[in-house]
Amino acid sequence: MTKANELREMSDEQVRAVWKDAAESLFKLRLQAQTEKLASPSEVRKNRKTIARCQTVLTERGKSGAAESSEAAADAV
C-alpha cells in the first residue's frame, strides 16, 4: 500500500505507473471475485484506495500548476 506522502514525493510518471498497476490488479481481483475464487477480499479495498490516492495527488498537482500559471499571467498584465 502506498501512502499519500510517498506518492507526493514521486514524479508524475511514477504516480501514473502506480495507478496503472493498481487498476490492473483491481481488474484481476474483480474477475476473481466474480468467480468466487478471491483469496483476500481486503485487497480490492486496498487497490481502490491506492487508485484514489494517485488520482488525488495528480489532481492536486494539476490545480497547483494551473494556479501558478494564472498568477504568472496576472502579473504579466
N, C-alpha and C. Protein backbone atom coordinates (compact mmCIF):
# COMPACT_ATOMS: atom_id res chain seq x y z
N MET A 1 0.85 -1.18 0.00
CA MET A 1 0.00 0.00 0.00
C MET A 1 0.89 1.23 0.00
N THR A 2 0.57 2.17 -0.82
CA THR A 2 1.34 3.38 -0.97
C THR A 2 0.63 4.52 -0.24
N LYS A 3 1.37 5.20 0.61
CA LYS A 3 0.83 6.34 1.35
C LYS A 3 0.83 7.58 0.46
N ALA A 4 -0.01 8.54 0.81
CA ALA A 4 -0.12 9.76 0.02
C ALA A 4 1.19 10.55 0.05
N ASN A 5 1.88 10.56 1.20
CA ASN A 5 3.15 11.28 1.27
C ASN A 5 4.19 10.67 0.34
N GLU A 6 4.19 9.34 0.24
CA GLU A 6 5.12 8.67 -0.67
C GLU A 6 4.79 9.02 -2.12
N LEU A 7 3.51 9.10 -2.44
CA LEU A 7 3.10 9.44 -3.79
C LEU A 7 3.47 10.89 -4.14
N ARG A 8 3.37 11.78 -3.17
CA ARG A 8 3.71 13.19 -3.42
C ARG A 8 5.19 13.37 -3.71
N GLU A 9 6.03 12.46 -3.21
CA GLU A 9 7.47 12.54 -3.45
C GLU A 9 7.85 11.98 -4.82
N MET A 10 6.95 11.24 -5.44
CA MET A 10 7.22 10.63 -6.75
C MET A 10 6.96 11.62 -7.87
N SER A 11 7.51 11.31 -9.04
CA SER A 11 7.23 12.12 -10.22
C SER A 11 5.85 11.73 -10.76
N ASP A 12 5.35 12.53 -11.69
CA ASP A 12 4.04 12.25 -12.28
C ASP A 12 4.02 10.89 -12.97
N GLU A 13 5.10 10.56 -13.67
CA GLU A 13 5.15 9.28 -14.38
C GLU A 13 5.12 8.11 -13.41
N GLN A 14 5.82 8.25 -12.29
CA GLN A 14 5.83 7.18 -11.29
C GLN A 14 4.45 7.01 -10.67
N VAL A 15 3.78 8.11 -10.39
CA VAL A 15 2.43 8.05 -9.80
C VAL A 15 1.49 7.38 -10.80
N ARG A 16 1.61 7.74 -12.07
CA ARG A 16 0.75 7.11 -13.09
C ARG A 16 1.04 5.62 -13.21
N ALA A 17 2.30 5.21 -13.04
CA ALA A 17 2.65 3.79 -13.09
C ALA A 17 2.04 3.04 -11.91
N VAL A 18 2.08 3.64 -10.73
CA VAL A 18 1.46 3.02 -9.56
C VAL A 18 -0.05 2.91 -9.78
N TRP A 19 -0.65 3.97 -10.32
CA TRP A 19 -2.08 3.97 -10.61
C TRP A 19 -2.44 2.86 -11.60
N LYS A 20 -1.64 2.73 -12.65
CA LYS A 20 -1.90 1.71 -13.66
C LYS A 20 -1.78 0.31 -13.08
N ASP A 21 -0.76 0.06 -12.28
CA ASP A 21 -0.59 -1.25 -11.65
C ASP A 21 -1.76 -1.58 -10.73
N ALA A 22 -2.20 -0.60 -9.95
CA ALA A 22 -3.32 -0.82 -9.04
C ALA A 22 -4.61 -1.08 -9.81
N ALA A 23 -4.80 -0.38 -10.92
CA ALA A 23 -6.01 -0.56 -11.73
C ALA A 23 -6.03 -1.96 -12.36
N GLU A 24 -4.88 -2.41 -12.85
CA GLU A 24 -4.81 -3.74 -13.44
C GLU A 24 -5.04 -4.81 -12.37
N SER A 25 -4.47 -4.61 -11.22
CA SER A 25 -4.65 -5.55 -10.12
C SER A 25 -6.11 -5.59 -9.67
N LEU A 26 -6.75 -4.42 -9.61
CA LEU A 26 -8.15 -4.35 -9.23
C LEU A 26 -9.03 -5.10 -10.24
N PHE A 27 -8.72 -4.96 -11.51
CA PHE A 27 -9.46 -5.67 -12.55
C PHE A 27 -9.37 -7.18 -12.34
N LYS A 28 -8.16 -7.66 -12.09
CA LYS A 28 -7.96 -9.09 -11.87
C LYS A 28 -8.68 -9.57 -10.61
N LEU A 29 -8.65 -8.74 -9.57
CA LEU A 29 -9.33 -9.11 -8.33
C LEU A 29 -10.84 -9.15 -8.52
N ARG A 30 -11.37 -8.24 -9.32
CA ARG A 30 -12.81 -8.24 -9.59
C ARG A 30 -13.23 -9.49 -10.36
N LEU A 31 -12.37 -9.92 -11.29
CA LEU A 31 -12.66 -11.16 -12.00
C LEU A 31 -12.66 -12.34 -11.04
N GLN A 32 -11.69 -12.37 -10.14
CA GLN A 32 -11.64 -13.45 -9.15
C GLN A 32 -12.86 -13.41 -8.24
N ALA A 33 -13.32 -12.22 -7.90
CA ALA A 33 -14.49 -12.09 -7.04
C ALA A 33 -15.73 -12.63 -7.73
N GLN A 34 -15.83 -12.41 -9.03
CA GLN A 34 -16.99 -12.90 -9.78
C GLN A 34 -17.01 -14.42 -9.87
N THR A 35 -15.83 -15.03 -9.91
CA THR A 35 -15.76 -16.48 -9.99
C THR A 35 -15.67 -17.12 -8.60
N GLU A 36 -15.79 -16.28 -7.57
CA GLU A 36 -15.77 -16.71 -6.17
C GLU A 36 -14.47 -17.43 -5.80
N LYS A 37 -13.37 -16.98 -6.35
CA LYS A 37 -12.06 -17.54 -6.03
C LYS A 37 -11.14 -16.49 -5.43
N LEU A 38 -11.72 -15.48 -4.82
CA LEU A 38 -10.95 -14.38 -4.25
C LEU A 38 -10.40 -14.79 -2.90
N ALA A 39 -9.07 -14.79 -2.78
CA ALA A 39 -8.43 -15.25 -1.55
C ALA A 39 -8.55 -14.22 -0.43
N SER A 40 -8.30 -12.95 -0.74
CA SER A 40 -8.36 -11.92 0.29
C SER A 40 -9.20 -10.73 -0.21
N PRO A 41 -10.42 -10.63 0.25
CA PRO A 41 -11.30 -9.55 -0.21
C PRO A 41 -10.79 -8.16 0.16
N SER A 42 -9.95 -8.05 1.15
CA SER A 42 -9.45 -6.74 1.55
C SER A 42 -8.53 -6.13 0.49
N GLU A 43 -7.99 -6.95 -0.39
CA GLU A 43 -7.12 -6.43 -1.45
C GLU A 43 -7.88 -5.51 -2.40
N VAL A 44 -9.15 -5.78 -2.62
CA VAL A 44 -9.96 -4.93 -3.50
C VAL A 44 -10.02 -3.53 -2.93
N ARG A 45 -10.30 -3.43 -1.65
CA ARG A 45 -10.39 -2.12 -1.00
C ARG A 45 -9.04 -1.40 -1.02
N LYS A 46 -7.96 -2.12 -0.77
CA LYS A 46 -6.63 -1.51 -0.78
C LYS A 46 -6.30 -0.93 -2.15
N ASN A 47 -6.63 -1.67 -3.20
CA ASN A 47 -6.35 -1.18 -4.55
C ASN A 47 -7.21 0.02 -4.89
N ARG A 48 -8.48 0.01 -4.49
CA ARG A 48 -9.33 1.18 -4.74
C ARG A 48 -8.78 2.41 -4.04
N LYS A 49 -8.30 2.25 -2.82
CA LYS A 49 -7.74 3.40 -2.09
C LYS A 49 -6.45 3.89 -2.73
N THR A 50 -5.64 2.98 -3.22
CA THR A 50 -4.40 3.38 -3.90
C THR A 50 -4.71 4.18 -5.16
N ILE A 51 -5.70 3.73 -5.92
CA ILE A 51 -6.11 4.45 -7.13
C ILE A 51 -6.61 5.85 -6.76
N ALA A 52 -7.41 5.94 -5.71
CA ALA A 52 -7.94 7.24 -5.28
C ALA A 52 -6.81 8.16 -4.83
N ARG A 53 -5.84 7.63 -4.12
CA ARG A 53 -4.70 8.45 -3.68
C ARG A 53 -3.91 8.99 -4.88
N CYS A 54 -3.69 8.12 -5.87
CA CYS A 54 -2.96 8.55 -7.06
C CYS A 54 -3.72 9.66 -7.79
N GLN A 55 -5.01 9.48 -7.95
CA GLN A 55 -5.81 10.50 -8.63
C GLN A 55 -5.83 11.80 -7.85
N THR A 56 -5.87 11.71 -6.53
CA THR A 56 -5.86 12.92 -5.69
C THR A 56 -4.56 13.68 -5.86
N VAL A 57 -3.43 12.96 -5.81
CA VAL A 57 -2.13 13.62 -5.95
C VAL A 57 -2.00 14.26 -7.32
N LEU A 58 -2.42 13.57 -8.36
CA LEU A 58 -2.33 14.14 -9.71
C LEU A 58 -3.24 15.35 -9.87
N THR A 59 -4.41 15.31 -9.25
CA THR A 59 -5.33 16.45 -9.31
C THR A 59 -4.75 17.64 -8.56
N GLU A 60 -4.16 17.39 -7.39
CA GLU A 60 -3.54 18.48 -6.62
C GLU A 60 -2.45 19.15 -7.42
N ARG A 61 -1.65 18.34 -8.10
CA ARG A 61 -0.56 18.90 -8.90
C ARG A 61 -1.11 19.69 -10.07
N GLY A 62 -2.18 19.23 -10.67
CA GLY A 62 -2.80 19.94 -11.79
C GLY A 62 -3.35 21.28 -11.36
N LYS A 63 -3.99 21.31 -10.21
CA LYS A 63 -4.57 22.56 -9.72
C LYS A 63 -3.49 23.54 -9.29
N SER A 64 -2.44 23.05 -8.65
CA SER A 64 -1.38 23.96 -8.22
C SER A 64 -0.64 24.52 -9.43
N GLY A 65 -0.46 23.71 -10.46
CA GLY A 65 0.17 24.19 -11.68
C GLY A 65 -0.69 25.21 -12.40
N ALA A 66 -1.99 25.01 -12.39
CA ALA A 66 -2.91 25.95 -13.04
C ALA A 66 -2.95 27.26 -12.26
N ALA A 67 -2.90 27.18 -10.93
CA ALA A 67 -2.93 28.37 -10.10
C ALA A 67 -1.66 29.19 -10.30
N GLU A 68 -0.52 28.50 -10.39
CA GLU A 68 0.74 29.21 -10.60
C GLU A 68 0.78 29.88 -11.97
N SER A 69 0.27 29.21 -12.99
CA SER A 69 0.30 29.80 -14.33
C SER A 69 -0.66 30.97 -14.43
N SER A 70 -1.81 30.91 -13.75
CA SER A 70 -2.75 32.03 -13.80
C SER A 70 -2.20 33.22 -13.02
N GLU A 71 -1.46 32.98 -11.93
CA GLU A 71 -0.83 34.07 -11.19
C GLU A 71 0.24 34.73 -12.04
N ALA A 72 1.01 33.93 -12.77
CA ALA A 72 2.05 34.47 -13.63
C ALA A 72 1.43 35.30 -14.75
N ALA A 73 0.31 34.85 -15.29
CA ALA A 73 -0.37 35.59 -16.35
C ALA A 73 -0.91 36.91 -15.82
N ALA A 74 -1.42 36.90 -14.59
CA ALA A 74 -1.97 38.12 -13.99
C ALA A 74 -0.85 39.13 -13.71
N ASP A 75 0.31 38.62 -13.31
CA ASP A 75 1.45 39.50 -13.05
C ASP A 75 1.99 40.13 -14.34
N ALA A 76 1.88 39.41 -15.44
CA ALA A 76 2.39 39.89 -16.71
C ALA A 76 1.52 41.00 -17.27
N VAL A 77 0.28 41.07 -16.87
CA VAL A 77 -0.65 42.07 -17.43
C VAL A 77 -0.47 43.39 -16.78
